[in-house]
Amino acid sequence: MKTLLLALAALAPISASAQTEEALRCRGLADDRERLACFDRWAAGLAAPAARSVAAPATPAAATPSPADFGLPSKPAAPSADRVESHFEGLFEGWKKGQVIRLANGQSWRVHEDSSAYLNLQSPRVTVRRNVFGGYLMEFEGSNKVVRVRRVE
């Protein structure tokens, strides 16, 4: 048994024995205030290195899931806008596969489906909205036609 204690003592780090000696010294103080202050310093010495080695990087509070969301898959960040509204300048005759449609706001969108349509609309208002599956749909005022598009510029 004595050999086991000696082996464990040899494996213990020196700082641990110094901390134990400090605790014993604090225990031996007669004045309550001095003893409490001594133990406070001793405890701060124990906690400081552990806090530095275990500290996690700071994360924004918004990234922390609420208890109600625990176990659910994380949700992607919400897009800043769910639609863009502009208009087409001049006569819009329609679209065909691969056509690029340039809007008045400077955005260019390419038709991303095999469809084509003839519309003949004069300067129609155009709305591009996010599709349920992550793509984009372009709608034209004065028409019930919708086309799948992808942003070019």
C-alpha atoms as a PDB file:
ATOM      1  CA  MET A   1       0.000   0.000   0.000  1.00  0.00           C
ATOM      2  CA  LYS A   2       2.810   2.347   0.881  1.00  0.00           C
ATOM      3  CA  THR A   3       4.477   1.604  -2.466  1.00  0.00           C
ATOM      4  CA  LEU A   4       1.263   2.454  -4.299  1.00  0.00           C
ATOM      5  CA  LEU A   5       0.985   5.800  -2.513  1.00  0.00           C
ATOM      6  CA  LEU A   6       4.601   6.618  -3.334  1.00  0.00           C
ATOM      7  CA  ALA A   7       4.043   5.738  -7.000  1.00  0.00           C
ATOM      8  CA  LEU A   8       0.930   7.945  -7.157  1.00  0.00           C
ATOM      9  CA  ALA A   9       2.764  10.772  -5.442  1.00  0.00           C
ATOM     10  CA  ALA A  10       5.573  10.517  -7.996  1.00  0.00           C
ATOM     11  CA  LEU A  11       3.059  10.723 -10.868  1.00  0.00           C
ATOM     12  CA  ALA A  12       1.251  13.752  -9.429  1.00  0.00           C
ATOM     13  CA  PRO A  13       2.375  17.080 -10.904  1.00  0.00           C
ATOM     14  CA  ILE A  14       4.404  19.376  -8.721  1.00  0.00           C
ATOM     15  CA  SER A  15       1.790  22.119  -8.999  1.00  0.00           C
ATOM     16  CA  ALA A  16      -0.777  19.792  -7.437  1.00  0.00           C
ATOM     17  CA  SER A  17       1.449  19.204  -4.405  1.00  0.00           C
ATOM     18  CA  ALA A  18       2.047  22.955  -4.126  1.00  0.00           C
ATOM     19  CA  GLN A  19      -1.715  23.526  -4.226  1.00  0.00           C
ATOM     20  CA  THR A  20      -2.226  20.910  -1.525  1.00  0.00           C
ATOM     21  CA  GLU A  21       0.410  22.551   0.652  1.00  0.00           C
ATOM     22  CA  GLU A  22      -1.324  25.923   0.156  1.00  0.00           C
ATOM     23  CA  ALA A  23      -4.654  24.403   1.191  1.00  0.00           C
ATOM     24  CA  LEU A  24      -3.042  22.929   4.304  1.00  0.00           C
ATOM     25  CA  ARG A  25      -1.505  26.298   5.129  1.00  0.00           C
ATOM     26  CA  CYS A  26      -4.897  27.989   4.723  1.00  0.00           C
ATOM     27  CA  ARG A  27      -6.529  25.407   6.983  1.00  0.00           C
ATOM     28  CA  GLY A  28      -4.014  26.179   9.718  1.00  0.00           C
ATOM     29  CA  LEU A  29      -4.857  29.910   9.917  1.00  0.00           C
ATOM     30  CA  ALA A  30      -6.702  30.867  13.108  1.00  0.00           C
ATOM     31  CA  ASP A  31      -8.340  34.122  11.948  1.00  0.00           C
ATOM     32  CA  ASP A  32     -11.561  33.415  10.009  1.00  0.00           C
ATOM     33  CA  ARG A  33     -11.114  36.323   7.606  1.00  0.00           C
ATOM     34  CA  GLU A  34      -7.515  35.446   6.817  1.00  0.00           C
ATOM     35  CA  ARG A  35      -8.446  31.778   6.352  1.00  0.00           C
ATOM     36  CA  LEU A  36     -11.317  32.688   3.986  1.00  0.00           C
ATOM     37  CA  ALA A  37      -9.095  35.062   1.991  1.00  0.00           C
ATOM     38  CA  CYS A  38      -6.417  32.368   1.787  1.00  0.00           C
ATOM     39  CA  PHE A  39      -8.910  29.778   0.492  1.00  0.00           C
ATOM     40  CA  ASP A  40     -10.286  32.327  -2.003  1.00  0.00           C
ATOM     41  CA  ARG A  41      -6.782  32.876  -3.408  1.00  0.00           C
ATOM     42  CA  TRP A  42      -6.205  29.123  -3.452  1.00  0.00           C
ATOM     43  CA  ALA A  43      -9.513  28.451  -5.270  1.00  0.00           C
ATOM     44  CA  ALA A  44      -8.779  31.213  -7.792  1.00  0.00           C
ATOM     45  CA  GLY A  45      -5.447  29.556  -8.501  1.00  0.00           C
ATOM     46  CA  LEU A  46      -7.219  26.245  -9.154  1.00  0.00           C
ATOM     47  CA  ALA A  47      -9.950  27.696 -11.347  1.00  0.00           C
ATOM     48  CA  ALA A  48      -7.853  30.037 -13.485  1.00  0.00           C
ATOM     49  CA  PRO A  49      -5.772  27.433 -15.377  1.00  0.00           C
ATOM     50  CA  ALA A  50      -8.796  25.165 -15.872  1.00  0.00           C
ATOM     51  CA  ALA A  51     -10.882  28.018 -17.216  1.00  0.00           C
ATOM     52  CA  ARG A  52      -8.198  28.946 -19.733  1.00  0.00           C
ATOM     53  CA  SER A  53      -7.756  25.399 -21.010  1.00  0.00           C
ATOM     54  CA  VAL A  54     -11.467  24.613 -21.312  1.00  0.00           C
ATOM     55  CA  ALA A  55     -12.778  27.982 -22.504  1.00  0.00           C
ATOM     56  CA  ALA A  56     -14.857  27.645 -25.656  1.00  0.00           C
ATOM     57  CA  PRO A  57     -14.726  30.228 -28.403  1.00  0.00           C
ATOM     58  CA  ALA A  58     -17.388  32.895 -28.118  1.00  0.00           C
ATOM     59  CA  THR A  59     -20.429  32.340 -30.332  1.00  0.00           C
ATOM     60  CA  PRO A  60     -23.159  34.783 -31.119  1.00  0.00           C
ATOM     61  CA  ALA A  61     -26.319  34.365 -29.076  1.00  0.00           C
ATOM     62  CA  ALA A  62     -28.389  33.944 -32.250  1.00  0.00           C
ATOM     63  CA  ALA A  63     -26.416  30.812 -33.183  1.00  0.00           C
ATOM     64  CA  THR A  64     -27.369  29.097 -29.935  1.00  0.00           C
ATOM     65  CA  PRO A  65     -30.456  26.939 -30.451  1.00  0.00           C
ATOM     66  CA  SER A  66     -33.357  27.381 -28.101  1.00  0.00           C
ATOM     67  CA  PRO A  67     -34.417  24.455 -25.900  1.00  0.00           C
ATOM     68  CA  ALA A  68     -37.548  24.085 -28.051  1.00  0.00           C
ATOM     69  CA  ASP A  69     -35.312  23.431 -31.116  1.00  0.00           C
ATOM     70  CA  PHE A  70     -33.070  20.901 -29.375  1.00  0.00           C
ATOM     71  CA  GLY A  71     -32.480  17.855 -31.581  1.00  0.00           C
ATOM     72  CA  LEU A  72     -33.955  19.412 -34.721  1.00  0.00           C
ATOM     73  CA  PRO A  73     -31.741  19.935 -37.770  1.00  0.00           C
ATOM     74  CA  SER A  74     -30.272  23.417 -37.879  1.00  0.00           C
ATOM     75  CA  LYS A  75     -32.059  25.867 -40.123  1.00  0.00           C
ATOM     76  CA  PRO A  76     -30.143  27.882 -42.718  1.00  0.00           C
ATOM     77  CA  ALA A  77     -30.006  31.606 -42.260  1.00  0.00           C
ATOM     78  CA  ALA A  78     -33.069  33.327 -43.605  1.00  0.00           C
ATOM     79  CA  PRO A  79     -32.515  35.084 -46.911  1.00  0.00           C
ATOM     80  CA  SER A  80     -32.478  38.852 -46.748  1.00  0.00           C
ATOM     81  CA  ALA A  81     -35.301  39.126 -49.308  1.00  0.00           C
ATOM     82  CA  ASP A  82     -37.816  36.631 -50.632  1.00  0.00           C
ATOM     83  CA  ARG A  83     -38.594  38.538 -53.829  1.00  0.00           C
ATOM     84  CA  VAL A  84     -37.359  41.241 -56.166  1.00  0.00           C
ATOM     85  CA  GLU A  85     -39.720  43.536 -58.010  1.00  0.00           C
ATOM     86  CA  SER A  86     -38.773  45.517 -61.086  1.00  0.00           C
ATOM     87  CA  HIS A  87     -40.048  45.950 -64.632  1.00  0.00           C
ATOM     88  CA  PHE A  88     -39.033  45.174 -68.182  1.00  0.00           C
ATOM     89  CA  GLU A  89     -38.410  48.293 -70.276  1.00  0.00           C
ATOM     90  CA  GLY A  90     -40.198  48.344 -73.605  1.00  0.00           C
ATOM     91  CA  LEU A  91     -42.092  45.558 -75.341  1.00  0.00           C
ATOM     92  CA  PHE A  92     -41.663  42.124 -73.756  1.00  0.00           C
ATOM     93  CA  GLU A  93     -42.514  39.512 -76.360  1.00  0.00           C
ATOM     94  CA  GLY A  94     -41.890  36.459 -74.182  1.00  0.00           C
ATOM     95  CA  TRP A  95     -39.106  33.975 -73.634  1.00  0.00           C
ATOM     96  CA  LYS A  96     -37.459  30.848 -74.971  1.00  0.00           C
ATOM     97  CA  LYS A  97     -35.020  28.312 -73.514  1.00  0.00           C
ATOM     98  CA  GLY A  98     -31.735  29.922 -72.364  1.00  0.00           C
ATOM     99  CA  GLN A  99     -32.845  33.495 -73.026  1.00  0.00           C
ATOM    100  CA  VAL A 100     -31.419  36.203 -70.757  1.00  0.00           C
ATOM    101  CA  ILE A 101     -33.996  38.676 -69.468  1.00  0.00           C
ATOM    102  CA  ARG A 102     -32.533  42.014 -68.310  1.00  0.00           C
ATOM    103  CA  LEU A 103     -34.672  43.950 -65.829  1.00  0.00           C
ATOM    104  CA  ALA A 104     -34.775  47.715 -65.293  1.00  0.00           C
ATOM    105  CA  ASN A 105     -32.959  47.316 -61.936  1.00  0.00           C
ATOM    106  CA  GLY A 106     -29.889  45.974 -63.787  1.00  0.00           C
ATOM    107  CA  GLN A 107     -30.336  42.315 -62.866  1.00  0.00           C
ATOM    108  CA  SER A 108     -30.092  39.687 -65.587  1.00  0.00           C
ATOM    109  CA  TRP A 109     -31.883  36.350 -65.312  1.00  0.00           C
ATOM    110  CA  ARG A 110     -31.512  33.330 -67.616  1.00  0.00           C
ATOM    111  CA  VAL A 111     -34.513  31.123 -68.440  1.00  0.00           C
ATOM    112  CA  HIS A 112     -33.774  27.799 -66.770  1.00  0.00           C
ATOM    113  CA  GLU A 113     -36.355  25.503 -68.330  1.00  0.00           C
ATOM    114  CA  ASP A 114     -37.281  24.174 -71.748  1.00  0.00           C
ATOM    115  CA  SER A 115     -40.473  26.209 -72.067  1.00  0.00           C
ATOM    116  CA  SER A 116     -41.187  29.174 -74.261  1.00  0.00           C
ATOM    117  CA  ALA A 117     -44.007  31.707 -74.248  1.00  0.00           C
ATOM    118  CA  TYR A 118     -45.311  34.570 -76.353  1.00  0.00           C
ATOM    119  CA  LEU A 119     -46.672  37.382 -74.184  1.00  0.00           C
ATOM    120  CA  ASN A 120     -46.536  40.754 -76.052  1.00  0.00           C
ATOM    121  CA  LEU A 121     -46.624  42.945 -72.915  1.00  0.00           C
ATOM    122  CA  GLN A 122     -45.669  46.633 -72.854  1.00  0.00           C
ATOM    123  CA  SER A 123     -43.227  47.430 -69.974  1.00  0.00           C
ATOM    124  CA  PRO A 124     -44.646  44.797 -67.592  1.00  0.00           C
ATOM    125  CA  ARG A 125     -43.896  44.771 -63.885  1.00  0.00           C
ATOM    126  CA  VAL A 126     -41.789  41.711 -63.106  1.00  0.00           C
ATOM    127  CA  THR A 127     -41.526  39.827 -59.822  1.00  0.00           C
ATOM    128  CA  VAL A 128     -38.803  37.238 -59.190  1.00  0.00           C
ATOM    129  CA  ARG A 129     -39.569  35.137 -56.130  1.00  0.00           C
ATOM    130  CA  ARG A 130     -37.887  32.247 -54.403  1.00  0.00           C
ATOM    131  CA  ASN A 131     -39.315  28.845 -55.286  1.00  0.00           C
ATOM    132  CA  VAL A 132     -40.110  26.230 -52.644  1.00  0.00           C
ATOM    133  CA  PHE A 133     -37.182  24.078 -53.821  1.00  0.00           C
ATOM    134  CA  GLY A 134     -34.623  26.909 -53.752  1.00  0.00           C
ATOM    135  CA  GLY A 135     -34.857  28.063 -57.367  1.00  0.00           C
ATOM    136  CA  TYR A 136     -36.433  31.271 -58.651  1.00  0.00           C
ATOM    137  CA  LEU A 137     -39.652  31.973 -60.533  1.00  0.00           C
ATOM    138  CA  MET A 138     -40.284  35.038 -62.700  1.00  0.00           C
ATOM    139  CA  GLU A 139     -43.830  36.366 -62.951  1.00  0.00           C
ATOM    140  CA  PHE A 140     -45.127  39.055 -65.296  1.00  0.00           C
ATOM    141  CA  GLU A 141     -47.941  41.506 -64.541  1.00  0.00           C
ATOM    142  CA  GLY A 142     -50.802  41.001 -66.989  1.00  0.00           C
ATOM    143  CA  SER A 143     -50.004  37.324 -67.544  1.00  0.00           C
ATOM    144  CA  ASN A 144     -50.565  34.064 -65.713  1.00  0.00           C
ATOM    145  CA  LYS A 145     -47.315  32.629 -67.142  1.00  0.00           C
ATOM    146  CA  VAL A 146     -44.397  31.849 -64.825  1.00  0.00           C
ATOM    147  CA  VAL A 147     -40.892  30.782 -65.813  1.00  0.00           C
ATOM    148  CA  ARG A 148     -38.011  29.272 -63.812  1.00  0.00           C
ATOM    149  CA  VAL A 149     -34.905  31.462 -63.949  1.00  0.00           C
ATOM    150  CA  ARG A 150     -31.355  31.710 -62.590  1.00  0.00           C
ATOM    151  CA  ARG A 151     -29.497  34.917 -61.822  1.00  0.00           C
ATOM    152  CA  VAL A 152     -26.744  35.783 -64.319  1.00  0.00           C
ATOM    153  CA  GLU A 153     -25.744  39.288 -63.146  1.00  0.00           C
END
